[in-house]
Structures are given as structure tokens and as C-alpha cells.
Amino acid sequence: MIFFIFGLFWGSFLNNIALRLEKNEDFLFSRSKCPFCGKILRWYELIPILSFFLQKGRCRQCQNKISIRYLLVEICTGLWVFLLAFALKTTLTPISLFEFIFYLIFFSILFVLALYDWRTFLVDDRLIIFGLIIGFLFNLVKNFLKIFPRDFSYLLNYFFNLGKFEWLITPFFISSIFLLIFLITKGRGLGFGDVQVAFLVGFFLRPGDSLLTIFLSSFFGSIYGLLLFLKNKNLKQPIPFVPFIFLGALTTIVFGEIISKFYFQFMI
């Protein structure tokens, strides 16, 4: 429950970052405000879920309707933060908290990229660079503390023997798959931003986990694309893919072992 409540507040912060990036506004030092009248919001207007319902989904000053996106993002973040803590079996020990923070930052960056891509069909390079720096530093610390990387996909990682520099090789290995699709389709199948996000995924997940993430994200994206086609009858309609990479990575973390075990049992 603690992680879910933390996730609600964290989701409000991440949503604020995504919206500010869309408007090219500062998101670190400027205060939250109403998007319609510009009123600076007080602390009691920023309580996740509760403030939305107490204000009946409207700004207290101008009475314009507040987008339900705020509520949905907060709830979604609360859920995925809880699922992340559950999957990692997070405790209050230093090593466990370090590992939780490691994956929390990864998923937070990926989530903001997903929110940004959903609205703009673009990937913000600043977030990619920030994620790579954080991933590089965290991996150095993990190696120094001799924290063995997590396996989320059962035996899948044992098919790859990349040695102690696995965390440096995996990003190039994983992103090369997306790069190949990008080159073959001349950017029509995937955008180069998706290649960058795949590189970021490889920085935080092991090779087998990264491959499962790609498979699941492609599966989820295909289902969405099919539903979109059935609705609009348009094969050329662009699809934001980063949200499905996020969903694929989260599914890998939480259910990767179950999915992989089922796959190997079915194949054998």
C-alpha cells in the first residue's frame, strides 16, 4: 500500500514532466498551475485522486474541466510502482531499496517517454540522454557492489553469454534489431526514436529480458494497430510505439518468468 500511495504522488510528478516537455516549459523549478487560467495550484489542490474528486474535476478558480488524464496517470503510476515493488520483493534493506530505485528510475523515464510519444509521436532526446547517464552510473555501482543482475525471463538469459560487459553490449544488440527494421522499412515501420528507446531498455535489462520486452511490445502494439484499423480502416495511421515498449517491459518484470516457463514447456 505504501508503494501504491507513493506511486500516486510520483505519477502526478511524471505527468507534470511529460506535459511540460510537450509545451517546452521548465518542469523542475516552476510551480504547477491551471492550464486554462494559469492559477498557481496550492498543495491541497495537488493531492492525487482526492483533489480531483473534491474539486469535481474542475479548476477552483476558472471552473474549467480538468482533463481526466491527470487522474488516470496517477492511478496507473500507483499500480505499476506497486507491481514493480511486488515483482522485486522490495524490502527496507539498502541493497533491496537500491535495486528498487534503479528500476523505478528506468520505468519512470520510460513512462514519461510513453506519455510524450502518445501525444506527439516523438521521442525526447533529453530523456534518452538522461536515462543513459543514470543507467551507466547505476550499472557501475551495481558492479562495484557486486549485485548480480536480475533474471525476469526464466532460462531465456542463459542463451546469451556476453560476459561481465553484458550491460554495455546488450543495448547495441537490442537496438540493432529495431535499427534493422527502421532501415528496411525506411522509417515507415519504426521511427528512429524507437531505436533509441530500445537502446535504453538494453541498458537496464538483461539480453533475454530485453528480447522478451521487444516481443511483448510488438504483440501489444499489433493488437492496438489491428483495433485501430478496424475502427478507422486506415493502414497508414501512425502508432505511438513507446507506450507498448513500456507495457512490454513492465509485463516482463512482473510476468516474464511465467511467460517464459510456459513457452519452454510448450516448445519442449
C-alpha atoms as a PDB file:
ATOM      1  CA  MET A   1       0.000   0.000   0.000  1.00  0.00           C
ATOM      2  CA  ILE A   2       2.913   2.348   0.793  1.00  0.00           C
ATOM      3  CA  PHE A   3       4.311   1.858  -2.716  1.00  0.00           C
ATOM      4  CA  PHE A   4       0.899   2.454  -4.301  1.00  0.00           C
ATOM      5  CA  ILE A   5       0.406   5.730  -2.400  1.00  0.00           C
ATOM      6  CA  PHE A   6       3.931   6.815  -3.260  1.00  0.00           C
ATOM      7  CA  GLY A   7       3.172   5.937  -6.886  1.00  0.00           C
ATOM      8  CA  LEU A   8       0.123   8.222  -6.918  1.00  0.00           C
ATOM      9  CA  PHE A   9       2.239  11.247  -5.978  1.00  0.00           C
ATOM     10  CA  TRP A  10       5.071  10.102  -8.243  1.00  0.00           C
ATOM     11  CA  GLY A  11       2.603   9.803 -11.130  1.00  0.00           C
ATOM     12  CA  SER A  12       1.499  13.406 -10.626  1.00  0.00           C
ATOM     13  CA  PHE A  13       5.147  14.467 -10.887  1.00  0.00           C
ATOM     14  CA  LEU A  14       5.810  12.370 -14.003  1.00  0.00           C
ATOM     15  CA  ASN A  15       2.660  13.641 -15.695  1.00  0.00           C
ATOM     16  CA  ASN A  16       3.792  17.183 -14.988  1.00  0.00           C
ATOM     17  CA  ILE A  17       7.160  16.462 -16.648  1.00  0.00           C
ATOM     18  CA  ALA A  18       5.510  14.993 -19.752  1.00  0.00           C
ATOM     19  CA  LEU A  19       3.106  17.924 -20.137  1.00  0.00           C
ATOM     20  CA  ARG A  20       5.867  20.498 -19.631  1.00  0.00           C
ATOM     21  CA  LEU A  21       8.027  18.759 -22.230  1.00  0.00           C
ATOM     22  CA  GLU A  22       5.157  18.970 -24.721  1.00  0.00           C
ATOM     23  CA  LYS A  23       4.912  22.719 -24.125  1.00  0.00           C
ATOM     24  CA  ASN A  24       8.703  23.152 -23.904  1.00  0.00           C
ATOM     25  CA  GLU A  25       8.348  24.586 -20.389  1.00  0.00           C
ATOM     26  CA  ASP A  26      10.568  24.221 -17.349  1.00  0.00           C
ATOM     27  CA  PHE A  27       9.442  21.306 -15.190  1.00  0.00           C
ATOM     28  CA  LEU A  28      11.999  21.390 -12.387  1.00  0.00           C
ATOM     29  CA  PHE A  29      11.592  24.807 -10.795  1.00  0.00           C
ATOM     30  CA  SER A  30       8.254  26.197 -12.000  1.00  0.00           C
ATOM     31  CA  ARG A  31       5.159  25.543  -9.890  1.00  0.00           C
ATOM     32  CA  SER A  32       2.079  23.633 -11.033  1.00  0.00           C
ATOM     33  CA  LYS A  33      -0.691  25.785 -12.466  1.00  0.00           C
ATOM     34  CA  CYS A  34      -4.085  25.537 -14.140  1.00  0.00           C
ATOM     35  CA  PRO A  35      -3.582  25.024 -17.898  1.00  0.00           C
ATOM     36  CA  PHE A  36      -6.519  27.369 -18.606  1.00  0.00           C
ATOM     37  CA  CYS A  37      -6.308  30.390 -16.290  1.00  0.00           C
ATOM     38  CA  GLY A  38      -2.708  29.991 -15.118  1.00  0.00           C
ATOM     39  CA  LYS A  39      -3.613  29.974 -11.389  1.00  0.00           C
ATOM     40  CA  ILE A  40      -0.775  28.599  -9.260  1.00  0.00           C
ATOM     41  CA  LEU A  41      -2.084  25.497  -7.514  1.00  0.00           C
ATOM     42  CA  ARG A  42      -1.867  25.145  -3.728  1.00  0.00           C
ATOM     43  CA  TRP A  43      -0.703  21.960  -2.030  1.00  0.00           C
ATOM     44  CA  TYR A  44      -4.250  20.838  -1.236  1.00  0.00           C
ATOM     45  CA  GLU A  45      -5.124  21.079  -4.939  1.00  0.00           C
ATOM     46  CA  LEU A  46      -2.338  18.643  -5.801  1.00  0.00           C
ATOM     47  CA  ILE A  47      -3.322  15.645  -3.685  1.00  0.00           C
ATOM     48  CA  PRO A  48      -3.633  12.717  -6.121  1.00  0.00           C
ATOM     49  CA  ILE A  49      -7.179  11.427  -6.782  1.00  0.00           C
ATOM     50  CA  LEU A  50      -8.626  13.197  -3.720  1.00  0.00           C
ATOM     51  CA  SER A  51      -8.207  16.743  -5.087  1.00  0.00           C
ATOM     52  CA  PHE A  52      -9.734  15.732  -8.422  1.00  0.00           C
ATOM     53  CA  PHE A  53     -12.934  14.470  -6.826  1.00  0.00           C
ATOM     54  CA  LEU A  54     -13.177  17.200  -4.171  1.00  0.00           C
ATOM     55  CA  GLN A  55     -12.967  19.811  -6.919  1.00  0.00           C
ATOM     56  CA  LYS A  56     -15.392  17.786  -9.068  1.00  0.00           C
ATOM     57  CA  GLY A  57     -12.841  17.638 -11.854  1.00  0.00           C
ATOM     58  CA  ARG A  58     -12.677  21.413 -12.259  1.00  0.00           C
ATOM     59  CA  CYS A  59     -10.292  24.275 -11.524  1.00  0.00           C
ATOM     60  CA  ARG A  60     -11.309  26.046  -8.311  1.00  0.00           C
ATOM     61  CA  GLN A  61     -10.856  29.482  -9.931  1.00  0.00           C
ATOM     62  CA  CYS A  62     -11.959  29.331 -13.568  1.00  0.00           C
ATOM     63  CA  GLN A  63     -14.179  26.223 -13.276  1.00  0.00           C
ATOM     64  CA  ASN A  64     -12.797  24.728 -16.475  1.00  0.00           C
ATOM     65  CA  LYS A  65     -12.820  20.937 -16.588  1.00  0.00           C
ATOM     66  CA  ILE A  66      -9.569  19.233 -15.609  1.00  0.00           C
ATOM     67  CA  SER A  67      -8.507  16.515 -18.041  1.00  0.00           C
ATOM     68  CA  ILE A  68      -9.134  13.012 -16.737  1.00  0.00           C
ATOM     69  CA  ARG A  69      -5.604  12.260 -17.931  1.00  0.00           C
ATOM     70  CA  TYR A  70      -4.313  13.560 -14.567  1.00  0.00           C
ATOM     71  CA  LEU A  71      -6.411  11.041 -12.650  1.00  0.00           C
ATOM     72  CA  LEU A  72      -5.622   8.129 -14.973  1.00  0.00           C
ATOM     73  CA  VAL A  73      -1.868   8.767 -14.976  1.00  0.00           C
ATOM     74  CA  GLU A  74      -1.777   8.940 -11.175  1.00  0.00           C
ATOM     75  CA  ILE A  75      -3.699   5.663 -10.803  1.00  0.00           C
ATOM     76  CA  CYS A  76      -1.630   3.924 -13.490  1.00  0.00           C
ATOM     77  CA  THR A  77       1.609   5.024 -11.868  1.00  0.00           C
ATOM     78  CA  GLY A  78       0.419   3.883  -8.455  1.00  0.00           C
ATOM     79  CA  LEU A  79      -0.340   0.461  -9.930  1.00  0.00           C
ATOM     80  CA  TRP A  80       2.920  -0.004 -11.821  1.00  0.00           C
ATOM     81  CA  VAL A  81       5.021   1.204  -8.886  1.00  0.00           C
ATOM     82  CA  PHE A  82       3.200  -1.303  -6.651  1.00  0.00           C
ATOM     83  CA  LEU A  83       3.680  -4.104  -9.225  1.00  0.00           C
ATOM     84  CA  LEU A  84       7.358  -3.216  -9.557  1.00  0.00           C
ATOM     85  CA  ALA A  85       7.919  -3.375  -5.794  1.00  0.00           C
ATOM     86  CA  PHE A  86       5.981  -6.652  -5.648  1.00  0.00           C
ATOM     87  CA  ALA A  87       7.949  -8.241  -8.510  1.00  0.00           C
ATOM     88  CA  LEU A  88      11.273  -7.194  -6.975  1.00  0.00           C
ATOM     89  CA  LYS A  89      10.140  -8.333  -3.492  1.00  0.00           C
ATOM     90  CA  THR A  90      11.343  -4.964  -2.236  1.00  0.00           C
ATOM     91  CA  THR A  91      12.247  -4.688   1.455  1.00  0.00           C
ATOM     92  CA  LEU A  92      13.773  -1.889   3.525  1.00  0.00           C
ATOM     93  CA  THR A  93      17.315  -3.248   3.248  1.00  0.00           C
ATOM     94  CA  PRO A  94      19.836  -0.959   1.492  1.00  0.00           C
ATOM     95  CA  ILE A  95      20.510  -3.373  -1.393  1.00  0.00           C
ATOM     96  CA  SER A  96      16.816  -4.003  -1.987  1.00  0.00           C
ATOM     97  CA  LEU A  97      15.993  -0.290  -1.947  1.00  0.00           C
ATOM     98  CA  PHE A  98      18.908   0.445  -4.287  1.00  0.00           C
ATOM     99  CA  GLU A  99      17.578  -2.130  -6.742  1.00  0.00           C
ATOM    100  CA  PHE A 100      14.050  -0.728  -6.467  1.00  0.00           C
ATOM    101  CA  ILE A 101      15.309   2.822  -7.142  1.00  0.00           C
ATOM    102  CA  PHE A 102      17.309   1.510 -10.116  1.00  0.00           C
ATOM    103  CA  TYR A 103      14.221   0.066 -11.803  1.00  0.00           C
ATOM    104  CA  LEU A 104      11.945   2.884 -10.594  1.00  0.00           C
ATOM    105  CA  ILE A 105      14.065   5.446 -12.423  1.00  0.00           C
ATOM    106  CA  PHE A 106      14.162   3.259 -15.535  1.00  0.00           C
ATOM    107  CA  PHE A 107      10.385   2.832 -15.647  1.00  0.00           C
ATOM    108  CA  SER A 108       9.805   6.485 -14.766  1.00  0.00           C
ATOM    109  CA  ILE A 109      11.875   7.629 -17.741  1.00  0.00           C
ATOM    110  CA  LEU A 110      10.167   5.066 -19.969  1.00  0.00           C
ATOM    111  CA  PHE A 111       6.740   6.137 -18.691  1.00  0.00           C
ATOM    112  CA  VAL A 112       7.368   9.828 -19.407  1.00  0.00           C
ATOM    113  CA  LEU A 113       8.656   8.889 -22.864  1.00  0.00           C
ATOM    114  CA  ALA A 114       5.461   6.882 -23.384  1.00  0.00           C
ATOM    115  CA  LEU A 115       3.217   9.772 -22.309  1.00  0.00           C
ATOM    116  CA  TYR A 116       5.153  12.161 -24.537  1.00  0.00           C
ATOM    117  CA  ASP A 117       5.081   9.788 -27.516  1.00  0.00           C
ATOM    118  CA  TRP A 118       1.342   9.125 -27.112  1.00  0.00           C
ATOM    119  CA  ARG A 119       0.564  12.798 -27.703  1.00  0.00           C
ATOM    120  CA  THR A 120       3.354  13.879 -30.051  1.00  0.00           C
ATOM    121  CA  PHE A 121       4.566  10.689 -31.827  1.00  0.00           C
ATOM    122  CA  LEU A 122       8.062  11.850 -30.902  1.00  0.00           C
ATOM    123  CA  VAL A 123      10.838  10.830 -28.508  1.00  0.00           C
ATOM    124  CA  ASP A 124      12.566  13.497 -26.454  1.00  0.00           C
ATOM    125  CA  ASP A 125      16.348  13.105 -26.799  1.00  0.00           C
ATOM    126  CA  ARG A 126      16.954  14.790 -23.432  1.00  0.00           C
ATOM    127  CA  LEU A 127      15.178  11.968 -21.618  1.00  0.00           C
ATOM    128  CA  ILE A 128      17.129   9.347 -23.554  1.00  0.00           C
ATOM    129  CA  ILE A 129      20.443  11.004 -22.659  1.00  0.00           C
ATOM    130  CA  PHE A 130      19.402  11.385 -19.020  1.00  0.00           C
ATOM    131  CA  GLY A 131      18.354   7.724 -18.907  1.00  0.00           C
ATOM    132  CA  LEU A 132      21.646   6.556 -20.410  1.00  0.00           C
ATOM    133  CA  ILE A 133      23.666   8.571 -17.904  1.00  0.00           C
ATOM    134  CA  ILE A 134      21.631   7.228 -14.983  1.00  0.00           C
ATOM    135  CA  GLY A 135      21.795   3.680 -16.329  1.00  0.00           C
ATOM    136  CA  PHE A 136      25.557   3.905 -16.806  1.00  0.00           C
ATOM    137  CA  LEU A 137      26.131   5.211 -13.277  1.00  0.00           C
ATOM    138  CA  PHE A 138      23.784   2.692 -11.662  1.00  0.00           C
ATOM    139  CA  ASN A 139      25.406  -0.200 -13.515  1.00  0.00           C
ATOM    140  CA  LEU A 140      28.825   0.934 -12.350  1.00  0.00           C
ATOM    141  CA  VAL A 141      27.582   0.981  -8.757  1.00  0.00           C
ATOM    142  CA  LYS A 142      25.931  -2.432  -9.179  1.00  0.00           C
ATOM    143  CA  ASN A 143      29.208  -3.892 -10.447  1.00  0.00           C
ATOM    144  CA  PHE A 144      31.133  -2.252  -7.612  1.00  0.00           C
ATOM    145  CA  LEU A 145      28.715  -3.663  -5.019  1.00  0.00           C
ATOM    146  CA  LYS A 146      28.707  -6.994  -6.895  1.00  0.00           C
ATOM    147  CA  ILE A 147      24.914  -7.043  -7.242  1.00  0.00           C
ATOM    148  CA  PHE A 148      24.119  -9.742  -9.782  1.00  0.00           C
ATOM    149  CA  PRO A 149      21.664  -8.555 -12.461  1.00  0.00           C
ATOM    150  CA  ARG A 150      18.108  -9.809 -12.127  1.00  0.00           C
ATOM    151  CA  ASP A 151      16.599 -12.532 -14.316  1.00  0.00           C
ATOM    152  CA  PHE A 152      12.967 -11.934 -15.212  1.00  0.00           C
ATOM    153  CA  SER A 153      12.577 -14.398 -18.067  1.00  0.00           C
ATOM    154  CA  TYR A 154      13.439 -17.794 -16.572  1.00  0.00           C
ATOM    155  CA  LEU A 155      16.045 -19.571 -18.759  1.00  0.00           C
ATOM    156  CA  LEU A 156      15.963 -17.079 -21.601  1.00  0.00           C
ATOM    157  CA  ASN A 157      19.055 -15.193 -20.408  1.00  0.00           C
ATOM    158  CA  TYR A 158      21.155 -18.368 -20.368  1.00  0.00           C
ATOM    159  CA  PHE A 159      21.140 -18.425 -24.156  1.00  0.00           C
ATOM    160  CA  PHE A 160      23.319 -15.301 -24.098  1.00  0.00           C
ATOM    161  CA  ASN A 161      26.839 -15.339 -22.705  1.00  0.00           C
ATOM    162  CA  LEU A 162      28.014 -11.754 -23.006  1.00  0.00           C
ATOM    163  CA  GLY A 163      30.403 -11.805 -20.050  1.00  0.00           C
ATOM    164  CA  LYS A 164      30.934  -9.089 -17.479  1.00  0.00           C
ATOM    165  CA  PHE A 165      30.345  -6.359 -20.074  1.00  0.00           C
ATOM    166  CA  GLU A 166      26.837  -7.629 -20.777  1.00  0.00           C
ATOM    167  CA  TRP A 167      25.284  -4.336 -19.643  1.00  0.00           C
ATOM    168  CA  LEU A 168      27.337  -2.485 -22.267  1.00  0.00           C
ATOM    169  CA  ILE A 169      26.812  -4.954 -25.121  1.00  0.00           C
ATOM    170  CA  THR A 170      23.072  -5.539 -24.635  1.00  0.00           C
ATOM    171  CA  PRO A 171      21.963  -2.003 -25.648  1.00  0.00           C
ATOM    172  CA  PHE A 172      23.704  -2.325 -29.017  1.00  0.00           C
ATOM    173  CA  PHE A 173      22.423  -5.881 -29.507  1.00  0.00           C
ATOM    174  CA  ILE A 174      18.797  -4.995 -28.762  1.00  0.00           C
ATOM    175  CA  SER A 175      18.678  -1.663 -30.579  1.00  0.00           C
ATOM    176  CA  SER A 176      20.244  -3.261 -33.677  1.00  0.00           C
ATOM    177  CA  ILE A 177      17.023  -5.278 -34.123  1.00  0.00           C
ATOM    178  CA  PHE A 178      14.958  -2.094 -34.192  1.00  0.00           C
ATOM    179  CA  LEU A 179      17.583  -0.344 -36.337  1.00  0.00           C
ATOM    180  CA  LEU A 180      17.347  -3.126 -38.922  1.00  0.00           C
ATOM    181  CA  ILE A 181      13.550  -2.746 -39.092  1.00  0.00           C
ATOM    182  CA  PHE A 182      13.970   1.034 -39.325  1.00  0.00           C
ATOM    183  CA  LEU A 183      16.396   0.712 -42.259  1.00  0.00           C
ATOM    184  CA  ILE A 184      14.428  -1.971 -44.120  1.00  0.00           C
ATOM    185  CA  THR A 185      11.135  -0.067 -43.868  1.00  0.00           C
ATOM    186  CA  LYS A 186      12.876   3.294 -44.398  1.00  0.00           C
ATOM    187  CA  GLY A 187      11.333   4.648 -41.206  1.00  0.00           C
ATOM    188  CA  ARG A 188       7.782   3.573 -42.035  1.00  0.00           C
ATOM    189  CA  GLY A 189       7.737   0.528 -39.749  1.00  0.00           C
ATOM    190  CA  LEU A 190       9.501   2.174 -36.801  1.00  0.00           C
ATOM    191  CA  GLY A 191      10.813   5.626 -36.038  1.00  0.00           C
ATOM    192  CA  PHE A 192      14.433   6.209 -35.061  1.00  0.00           C
ATOM    193  CA  GLY A 193      13.155   7.294 -31.648  1.00  0.00           C
ATOM    194  CA  ASP A 194      12.037   3.701 -31.070  1.00  0.00           C
ATOM    195  CA  VAL A 195      15.604   2.566 -31.813  1.00  0.00           C
ATOM    196  CA  GLN A 196      16.844   4.944 -29.119  1.00  0.00           C
ATOM    197  CA  VAL A 197      14.300   3.657 -26.599  1.00  0.00           C
ATOM    198  CA  ALA A 198      15.318   0.063 -27.368  1.00  0.00           C
ATOM    199  CA  PHE A 199      18.921   1.068 -26.644  1.00  0.00           C
ATOM    200  CA  LEU A 200      17.787   2.481 -23.302  1.00  0.00           C
ATOM    201  CA  VAL A 201      15.928  -0.750 -22.462  1.00  0.00           C
ATOM    202  CA  GLY A 202      19.111  -2.742 -23.087  1.00  0.00           C
ATOM    203  CA  PHE A 203      20.918  -0.584 -20.544  1.00  0.00           C
ATOM    204  CA  PHE A 204      18.581  -1.638 -17.742  1.00  0.00           C
ATOM    205  CA  LEU A 205      17.513  -5.183 -18.669  1.00  0.00           C
ATOM    206  CA  ARG A 206      19.470  -8.335 -19.477  1.00  0.00           C
ATOM    207  CA  PRO A 207      19.521  -9.661 -23.084  1.00  0.00           C
ATOM    208  CA  GLY A 208      16.772 -12.280 -22.648  1.00  0.00           C
ATOM    209  CA  ASP A 209      14.576  -9.855 -20.731  1.00  0.00           C
ATOM    210  CA  SER A 210      15.121  -7.199 -23.389  1.00  0.00           C
ATOM    211  CA  LEU A 211      14.160  -9.633 -26.154  1.00  0.00           C
ATOM    212  CA  LEU A 212      11.008 -10.626 -24.288  1.00  0.00           C
ATOM    213  CA  THR A 213      10.215  -6.931 -23.869  1.00  0.00           C
ATOM    214  CA  ILE A 214      10.539  -6.402 -27.620  1.00  0.00           C
ATOM    215  CA  PHE A 215       8.339  -9.423 -28.365  1.00  0.00           C
ATOM    216  CA  LEU A 216       5.641  -8.335 -25.903  1.00  0.00           C
ATOM    217  CA  SER A 217       5.704  -4.708 -27.024  1.00  0.00           C
ATOM    218  CA  SER A 218       5.333  -5.819 -30.642  1.00  0.00           C
ATOM    219  CA  PHE A 219       2.452  -8.096 -29.630  1.00  0.00           C
ATOM    220  CA  PHE A 220       0.647  -5.338 -27.707  1.00  0.00           C
ATOM    221  CA  GLY A 221       1.326  -2.814 -30.453  1.00  0.00           C
ATOM    222  CA  SER A 222      -0.030  -5.189 -33.119  1.00  0.00           C
ATOM    223  CA  ILE A 223      -3.267  -5.687 -31.182  1.00  0.00           C
ATOM    224  CA  TYR A 224      -3.678  -1.914 -30.833  1.00  0.00           C
ATOM    225  CA  GLY A 225      -2.882  -1.417 -34.523  1.00  0.00           C
ATOM    226  CA  LEU A 226      -5.462  -4.017 -35.511  1.00  0.00           C
ATOM    227  CA  LEU A 227      -8.137  -2.389 -33.340  1.00  0.00           C
ATOM    228  CA  LEU A 228      -7.232   0.991 -34.794  1.00  0.00           C
ATOM    229  CA  PHE A 229      -7.528  -0.368 -38.337  1.00  0.00           C
ATOM    230  CA  LEU A 230     -10.903  -1.975 -37.632  1.00  0.00           C
ATOM    231  CA  LYS A 231     -12.102   1.368 -36.303  1.00  0.00           C
ATOM    232  CA  ASN A 232     -10.685   3.761 -38.900  1.00  0.00           C
ATOM    233  CA  LYS A 233      -9.938   1.482 -41.907  1.00  0.00           C
ATOM    234  CA  ASN A 234      -6.621   3.264 -42.363  1.00  0.00           C
ATOM    235  CA  LEU A 235      -3.389   1.280 -42.684  1.00  0.00           C
ATOM    236  CA  LYS A 236      -1.223   4.398 -42.784  1.00  0.00           C
ATOM    237  CA  GLN A 237      -2.277   5.809 -39.425  1.00  0.00           C
ATOM    238  CA  PRO A 238       0.822   6.239 -37.213  1.00  0.00           C
ATOM    239  CA  ILE A 239       1.020   4.345 -33.925  1.00  0.00           C
ATOM    240  CA  PRO A 240       2.978   5.604 -30.901  1.00  0.00           C
ATOM    241  CA  PHE A 241       5.151   2.594 -30.041  1.00  0.00           C
ATOM    242  CA  VAL A 242       6.908   3.699 -26.831  1.00  0.00           C
ATOM    243  CA  PRO A 243       3.788   3.115 -24.671  1.00  0.00           C
ATOM    244  CA  PHE A 244       3.859  -0.519 -25.774  1.00  0.00           C
ATOM    245  CA  ILE A 245       7.586  -0.792 -25.031  1.00  0.00           C
ATOM    246  CA  PHE A 246       6.776   0.414 -21.522  1.00  0.00           C
ATOM    247  CA  LEU A 247       3.944  -2.110 -21.228  1.00  0.00           C
ATOM    248  CA  GLY A 248       6.192  -4.865 -22.603  1.00  0.00           C
ATOM    249  CA  ALA A 249       8.970  -4.056 -20.119  1.00  0.00           C
ATOM    250  CA  LEU A 250       6.550  -3.985 -17.180  1.00  0.00           C
ATOM    251  CA  THR A 251       4.977  -7.287 -18.259  1.00  0.00           C
ATOM    252  CA  THR A 252       8.467  -8.794 -18.494  1.00  0.00           C
ATOM    253  CA  ILE A 253       9.360  -7.668 -14.981  1.00  0.00           C
ATOM    254  CA  VAL A 254       6.118  -8.903 -13.419  1.00  0.00           C
ATOM    255  CA  PHE A 255       5.145 -11.935 -15.533  1.00  0.00           C
ATOM    256  CA  GLY A 256       8.304 -12.697 -17.539  1.00  0.00           C
ATOM    257  CA  GLU A 257       9.154 -15.860 -15.625  1.00  0.00           C
ATOM    258  CA  ILE A 258       5.633 -17.279 -16.012  1.00  0.00           C
ATOM    259  CA  ILE A 259       5.519 -16.444 -19.733  1.00  0.00           C
ATOM    260  CA  SER A 260       8.987 -17.914 -20.378  1.00  0.00           C
ATOM    261  CA  LYS A 261       8.254 -21.108 -18.429  1.00  0.00           C
ATOM    262  CA  PHE A 262       5.065 -21.598 -20.426  1.00  0.00           C
ATOM    263  CA  TYR A 263       6.964 -21.037 -23.674  1.00  0.00           C
ATOM    264  CA  PHE A 264       9.727 -23.547 -22.855  1.00  0.00           C
ATOM    265  CA  GLN A 265       7.250 -26.167 -21.648  1.00  0.00           C
ATOM    266  CA  PHE A 266       5.214 -25.710 -24.819  1.00  0.00           C
ATOM    267  CA  MET A 267       8.273 -25.944 -27.070  1.00  0.00           C
ATOM    268  CA  ILE A 268       9.695 -28.966 -25.250  1.00  0.00           C
END
